[in-house]
Protein backbone atom coordinates (compact mmCIF):
# COMPACT_ATOMS: atom_id res chain seq x y z
CA UNK A 1 0.04 -0.06 0.01
CA UNK A 2 1.40 3.32 -0.93
CA UNK A 3 2.03 5.80 1.83
CA UNK A 4 -0.29 8.88 1.54
CA UNK A 5 0.34 12.35 3.10
CA UNK A 6 -0.33 12.91 6.66
CA UNK A 7 -3.99 13.39 7.59
CA UNK A 8 -5.66 13.90 10.94
CA UNK A 9 -9.14 14.94 12.28
CA UNK A 10 -9.62 15.70 15.94
CA UNK A 11 -13.17 16.27 16.77
CA UNK A 12 -16.08 15.85 19.15
CA UNK A 13 -19.57 14.30 18.61
CA UNK A 14 -22.29 15.99 20.38
CA UNK A 15 -23.93 12.70 21.22
CA UNK A 16 -20.82 11.39 23.00
CA UNK A 17 -20.37 14.02 25.69
CA UNK A 18 -16.96 13.93 27.43
CA UNK A 19 -15.28 12.13 24.55
CA UNK A 20 -12.69 13.42 22.12
CA UNK A 21 -12.21 11.58 18.81
CA UNK A 22 -9.19 11.34 16.44
CA UNK A 23 -8.56 9.58 13.18
CA UNK A 24 -5.19 10.07 11.75
CA UNK A 25 -2.28 8.77 9.60
CA UNK A 26 1.10 10.06 10.71
CA UNK A 27 4.38 9.49 8.91
CA UNK A 28 6.97 11.94 10.34
CA UNK A 29 4.87 13.26 13.22
CA UNK A 30 6.56 13.06 16.64
CA UNK A 31 4.75 13.82 19.85
CA UNK A 32 6.80 15.30 22.74
CA UNK A 33 6.31 14.08 26.28
CA UNK A 34 2.94 15.17 27.33
CA UNK A 35 -0.08 14.17 29.33
CA UNK A 36 -3.89 14.02 28.80
CA UNK A 37 -6.63 14.81 31.18
CA UNK A 38 -8.70 12.03 29.43
CA UNK A 39 -7.88 8.41 28.94
CA UNK A 40 -6.23 7.39 25.55
CA UNK A 41 -7.63 4.45 23.77
CA UNK A 42 -5.73 4.20 20.43
CA UNK A 43 -6.58 1.40 17.99
CA UNK A 44 -3.72 0.78 15.66
CA UNK A 45 -4.78 -0.14 12.02
CA UNK A 46 -1.51 0.09 10.03
CA UNK A 47 2.12 0.61 10.91
CA UNK A 48 3.70 0.75 14.40
CA UNK A 49 3.09 3.60 17.05
CA UNK A 50 6.16 3.74 19.37
CA UNK A 51 5.60 5.70 22.57
CA UNK A 52 7.61 6.21 25.66
CA UNK A 53 5.58 5.13 28.68
CA UNK A 54 6.60 4.45 32.23
CA UNK A 55 10.29 4.41 31.45
CA UNK A 56 10.28 2.20 28.37
CA UNK A 57 9.45 2.45 24.62
CA UNK A 58 6.26 0.59 23.95
CA UNK A 59 5.40 -0.73 20.41
CA UNK A 60 1.80 -1.03 19.28
CA UNK A 61 1.23 -2.50 15.88
CA UNK A 62 -1.88 -3.50 13.83
CA UNK A 63 -4.63 -5.25 15.98
CA UNK A 64 -3.27 -3.89 19.17
CA UNK A 65 -4.20 -0.79 21.26
CA UNK A 66 -1.99 1.94 22.90
CA UNK A 67 -3.63 2.61 26.31
CA UNK A 68 -2.78 5.59 28.46
CA UNK A 69 -4.26 6.63 31.73
CA UNK A 70 -4.92 10.33 32.56
CA UNK A 71 -2.04 12.41 33.55
CA UNK A 72 0.48 9.83 32.53
CA UNK A 73 3.47 11.26 30.64
CA UNK A 74 4.11 9.62 27.28
CA UNK A 75 5.47 10.49 23.81
CA UNK A 76 4.74 9.17 20.32
CA UNK A 77 6.41 8.43 16.96
CA UNK A 78 6.29 6.16 13.96
CA UNK A 79 8.05 2.77 14.19
CA UNK A 80 9.11 2.78 10.59
CA UNK A 81 9.10 4.97 7.40
CA UNK A 82 5.70 4.11 6.45
CA UNK A 83 4.24 5.75 9.62
CA UNK A 84 1.15 4.58 11.25
CA UNK A 85 -2.66 4.88 10.98
CA UNK A 86 -4.94 4.79 13.94
CA UNK A 87 -8.29 5.77 15.52
CA UNK A 88 -8.43 7.11 19.03
CA UNK A 89 -11.13 7.86 21.49
CA UNK A 90 -10.39 10.01 24.68
CA UNK A 91 -13.09 9.41 27.20
CA UNK A 92 -13.07 11.63 30.27
CA UNK A 93 -12.42 10.17 33.66
CA UNK A 94 -16.04 10.56 34.66
CA UNK A 95 -17.12 8.63 31.50
CA UNK A 96 -14.97 5.67 32.22
CA UNK A 97 -15.73 5.58 35.97
CA UNK A 98 -19.45 5.58 35.18
CA UNK A 99 -19.04 2.63 32.69
CA UNK A 100 -16.71 0.78 35.21
CA UNK A 101 -19.23 1.23 38.03
CA UNK A 102 -22.07 -0.25 36.02
CA UNK A 103 -20.16 -3.11 34.21
CA UNK A 104 -17.13 -4.07 36.28
CA UNK A 105 -16.24 -4.90 39.95
CA UNK A 106 -13.38 -2.36 39.89
CA UNK A 107 -13.36 0.02 42.85
CA UNK A 108 -11.77 3.47 43.11
CA UNK A 109 -10.39 5.17 40.01
CA UNK A 110 -10.30 2.64 37.20
CA UNK A 111 -7.37 2.49 34.85
CA UNK A 112 -5.39 0.26 32.35
CA UNK A 113 -2.70 -1.93 33.66
CA UNK A 114 -0.72 -2.67 30.47
CA UNK A 115 0.02 0.17 27.95
CA UNK A 116 -0.25 -2.18 24.95
CA UNK A 117 -2.88 -4.76 24.53
CA UNK A 118 -3.31 -7.24 21.65
CA UNK A 119 -7.05 -7.31 20.94
CA UNK A 120 -8.16 -7.09 17.33
CA UNK A 121 -11.85 -7.13 18.27
CA UNK A 122 -11.37 -4.13 20.56
CA UNK A 123 -9.44 -2.35 17.78
CA UNK A 124 -12.38 -3.00 15.55
CA UNK A 125 -14.84 -1.65 18.14
CA UNK A 126 -12.93 1.60 18.44
CA UNK A 127 -12.90 2.14 14.67
CA UNK A 128 -16.76 1.41 14.61
CA UNK A 129 -17.15 3.96 17.26
CA UNK A 130 -15.45 6.60 15.10
CA UNK A 131 -17.37 5.41 11.99
CA UNK A 132 -20.66 5.75 13.83
CA UNK A 133 -19.78 9.26 15.01
CA UNK A 134 -18.83 10.41 11.55
CA UNK A 135 -22.18 9.02 10.14
CA UNK A 136 -24.17 10.72 12.97
CA UNK A 137 -25.41 7.25 14.44
CA UNK A 138 -25.69 8.21 18.07
CA UNK A 139 -27.10 4.94 19.24
CA UNK A 140 -24.32 2.95 17.66
CA UNK A 141 -21.60 5.35 18.71
CA UNK A 142 -22.64 5.36 22.42
CA UNK A 143 -23.16 1.62 22.47
CA UNK A 144 -19.95 0.63 20.88
CA UNK A 145 -18.01 2.96 23.11
CA UNK A 146 -19.51 1.33 26.26
CA UNK A 147 -18.92 -2.08 24.93
CA UNK A 148 -15.20 -1.25 24.03
CA UNK A 149 -14.46 0.42 27.42
CA UNK A 150 -16.01 -2.36 29.36
CA UNK A 151 -14.16 -4.97 27.32
CA UNK A 152 -10.75 -3.20 27.92
CA UNK A 153 -11.43 -2.67 31.66
CA UNK A 154 -12.34 -6.37 32.03
CA UNK A 155 -9.36 -7.64 30.17
CA UNK A 156 -6.73 -5.06 31.26
CA UNK A 157 -8.23 -2.99 34.00
CA UNK A 158 -7.35 -2.19 37.61
CA UNK A 159 -7.76 0.51 40.25
CA UNK A 160 -5.34 3.31 39.90
CA UNK A 161 -3.36 4.14 42.98
CA UNK A 162 -4.23 7.32 44.83
CA UNK A 163 -1.69 10.03 44.41
CA UNK A 164 -0.41 11.00 47.88
CA UNK A 165 2.60 13.07 48.70
CA UNK A 166 4.69 11.16 51.11
CA UNK A 167 8.18 12.78 50.82
CA UNK A 168 9.68 16.14 51.18
CA UNK A 169 10.59 16.04 47.55
CA UNK A 170 7.07 15.35 46.52
CA UNK A 171 5.82 18.25 48.71
CA UNK A 172 8.34 20.62 46.97
CA UNK A 173 7.33 19.42 43.53
CA UNK A 174 3.65 19.93 44.32
CA UNK A 175 4.35 23.32 45.51
CA UNK A 176 6.41 24.15 42.36
CA UNK A 177 3.62 22.94 40.21
CA UNK A 178 1.20 25.16 41.98
CA UNK A 179 3.53 28.20 41.52
CA UNK A 180 3.84 27.41 37.63
CA UNK A 181 0.05 27.01 37.35
CA UNK A 182 -0.37 30.51 38.61
CA UNK A 183 2.45 31.85 36.39
CA UNK A 184 1.94 30.35 32.90
CA UNK A 185 2.54 33.70 31.16
CA UNK A 186 5.55 34.82 33.09
CA UNK A 187 7.10 31.83 34.78
CA UNK A 188 10.22 32.14 37.01
CA UNK A 189 13.64 30.57 36.06
CA UNK A 190 14.49 27.22 37.59
CA UNK A 191 16.79 28.97 40.04
CA UNK A 192 14.32 31.58 41.17
CA UNK A 193 11.68 28.87 41.47
CA UNK A 194 13.98 26.76 43.60
CA UNK A 195 15.15 29.73 45.91
CA UNK A 196 11.35 30.62 46.45
CA UNK A 197 10.84 27.08 47.60
CA UNK A 198 13.91 26.94 49.81
CA UNK A 199 15.78 24.25 47.76
CA UNK A 200 18.40 24.05 45.11
CA UNK A 201 17.76 24.00 41.42
CA UNK A 202 18.89 20.26 40.82
CA UNK A 203 17.10 19.05 43.80
CA UNK A 204 13.83 20.65 42.48
CA UNK A 205 14.50 19.26 39.12
CA UNK A 206 14.89 15.67 40.48
CA UNK A 207 11.81 16.09 42.64
CA UNK A 208 9.67 17.34 39.87
CA UNK A 209 10.68 14.58 37.50
CA UNK A 210 10.03 11.98 40.11
CA UNK A 211 6.59 13.41 40.83
CA UNK A 212 5.37 14.26 37.29
CA UNK A 213 7.49 12.34 34.90
CA UNK A 214 8.96 15.31 33.11
CA UNK A 215 10.95 18.46 34.02
CA UNK A 216 9.29 21.79 34.95
CA UNK A 217 9.72 23.34 31.57
CA UNK A 218 8.22 20.41 29.72
CA UNK A 219 5.36 20.34 32.13
CA UNK A 220 4.79 24.08 31.71
CA UNK A 221 4.50 23.58 27.90
CA UNK A 222 1.90 20.76 28.43
CA UNK A 223 0.02 22.98 30.93
CA UNK A 224 -0.04 25.86 28.46
CA UNK A 225 -1.50 23.59 25.69
CA UNK A 226 -4.08 22.27 28.13
CA UNK A 227 -5.17 25.87 29.06
CA UNK A 228 -5.05 26.80 25.44
CA UNK A 229 -7.50 23.95 24.55
CA UNK A 230 -9.94 25.18 27.02
CA UNK A 231 -9.73 28.76 25.63
CA UNK A 232 -10.19 27.40 22.07
CA UNK A 233 -13.14 25.41 23.27
CA UNK A 234 -14.72 28.58 24.64
CA UNK A 235 -14.26 30.38 21.18
CA UNK A 236 -11.02 32.36 21.95
CA UNK A 237 -9.08 32.97 18.62
CA UNK A 238 -5.73 31.11 18.45
CA UNK A 239 -3.66 34.17 18.42
CA UNK A 240 -5.47 35.51 21.65
CA UNK A 241 -5.24 31.98 23.16
CA UNK A 242 -1.37 31.89 22.57
CA UNK A 243 -0.90 35.22 24.35
CA UNK A 244 -3.23 34.20 27.25
CA UNK A 245 -1.21 31.14 28.13
CA UNK A 246 2.23 32.60 27.59
CA UNK A 247 3.38 31.62 24.12
CA UNK A 248 5.34 34.32 22.30
CA UNK A 249 3.03 34.17 19.35
CA UNK A 250 0.66 32.08 17.42
CA UNK A 251 3.30 30.05 15.55
CA UNK A 252 4.76 28.94 18.88
CA UNK A 253 1.26 27.72 19.89
CA UNK A 254 0.82 26.06 16.52
CA UNK A 255 4.06 24.14 16.98
CA UNK A 256 3.59 23.12 20.52
CA UNK A 257 -0.15 22.37 20.08
CA UNK A 258 0.44 20.11 17.04
CA UNK A 259 3.24 18.16 18.78
CA UNK A 260 0.79 17.26 21.68
CA UNK A 261 -2.73 17.28 20.32
CA UNK A 262 -1.85 16.10 16.83
CA UNK A 263 -3.60 18.89 14.84
CA UNK A 264 -3.08 22.67 14.53
CA UNK A 265 -5.17 24.79 16.90
CA UNK A 266 -7.19 26.38 13.97
CA UNK A 267 -8.36 22.90 12.75
CA UNK A 268 -8.98 21.85 16.46
CA UNK A 269 -11.23 24.94 16.93
CA UNK A 270 -13.08 24.62 13.68
CA UNK A 271 -14.25 21.02 14.61
CA UNK A 272 -15.42 22.39 18.09
CA UNK A 273 -17.59 25.04 16.23
CA UNK A 274 -19.03 22.30 14.08
CA UNK A 275 -20.28 20.40 17.17
CA UNK A 276 -22.32 23.50 18.11
CA UNK A 277 -23.61 23.76 14.47
CA UNK A 278 -25.35 20.58 13.62
CA UNK A 279 -25.90 21.49 10.01
CA UNK A 280 -22.06 22.41 9.51
CA UNK A 281 -21.16 19.24 11.26
CA UNK A 282 -23.26 17.16 8.97
CA UNK A 283 -21.75 18.99 5.98
CA UNK A 284 -18.15 18.42 7.15
CA UNK A 285 -18.83 14.86 8.05
CA UNK A 286 -20.46 14.24 4.65
CA UNK A 287 -17.45 15.68 2.85
CA UNK A 288 -14.98 13.75 5.07
CA UNK A 289 -16.72 10.47 4.33
CA UNK A 290 -16.69 11.16 0.58
CA UNK A 291 -13.07 12.11 0.49
CA UNK A 292 -11.57 9.66 3.08
CA UNK A 293 -11.22 6.07 2.08
CA UNK A 294 -12.02 4.35 5.51
CA UNK A 295 -11.45 0.63 5.36
CA UNK A 296 -14.27 -1.38 6.73
CA UNK A 297 -12.82 -3.51 9.39
C-alpha cells in the first residue's frame, strides 16, 4: 500500500459528551512528552506507534491498542518509514468511571494496567465508534463505546493508586507545580523557583521529574497547551489564546499544540464550532466520508 500524506481529524460528537475523537495517519509526526486529562484508547490499523511510557519504549502494531491513563506522561512516533494509521477515543475520567461502576467490579479510579494490549476485536470496536460518530449514528456510537471500554477494563483494568505526597521532595514538587500553574504567562527561572521554595535547582528538578514524569519546563508547555485547549473550546481565537497562556506568538502555539494534540489549533477549533452547529457538522462529516477512504474493518 502506498503511503499517503499525513492526515488527521480531531473532533467531538455532540452525542458522545466527554469524549474526544481522532482519526489520523502520521508519517513523520512526533509527539513530545505530554499528558492528557482524558484516557487514551488508540486502535492501531497500520504501521507501528512507538511511545515512551513508564520508562520504556512501547510498540503498538496492527490489531493492538495503545492505552494511556489520565495524567500519565508519554511520547509518540512512528516505528518505521511508512508511519502509522490509527483511530483514538479519549473518554473523560467521569465517563470511564461511570461505565466501570455499571459493568465491572473495579473500585476506586479505574485504569489500564498494560500500556499495549493485543485485541483485534477491541481495535475494531474503536474504529466502529469513530465511523458511527462520523455518520451521525448516536445509538451505535454510544453503544459501541460502552462495549469497548467495558471489554478493555475487564481484560486489562485495575484500580489506579491514589496520588499521595509522602516525601519532602514530593511536597516541593507539588508546591512548584502550584507556582507554575499561577504563572503560565511569566514563569520564574528554575533557580528563582527553587530559591522561592527553599531548595536547590537540581534538587527541585529531580523532585519534579520523580513526581510528574517530566522536568518543569516540559510540564509548563503541556499545561499551556491544556489551557489553550480550554480557551479554544470557549471560542477564543488562536492568537489570543497563545498570548493568554504565555506563548510568544501564534506560530509557537501552533508548533507546541500540534506536537501534543496532533492537529493545529485552528483545525481543532473549527471542529469544536461544528459540534455547536449541527448543519455544519453534517456537511463536514459528509465531505469527510466522501473524501476519506476508510477501510471497513
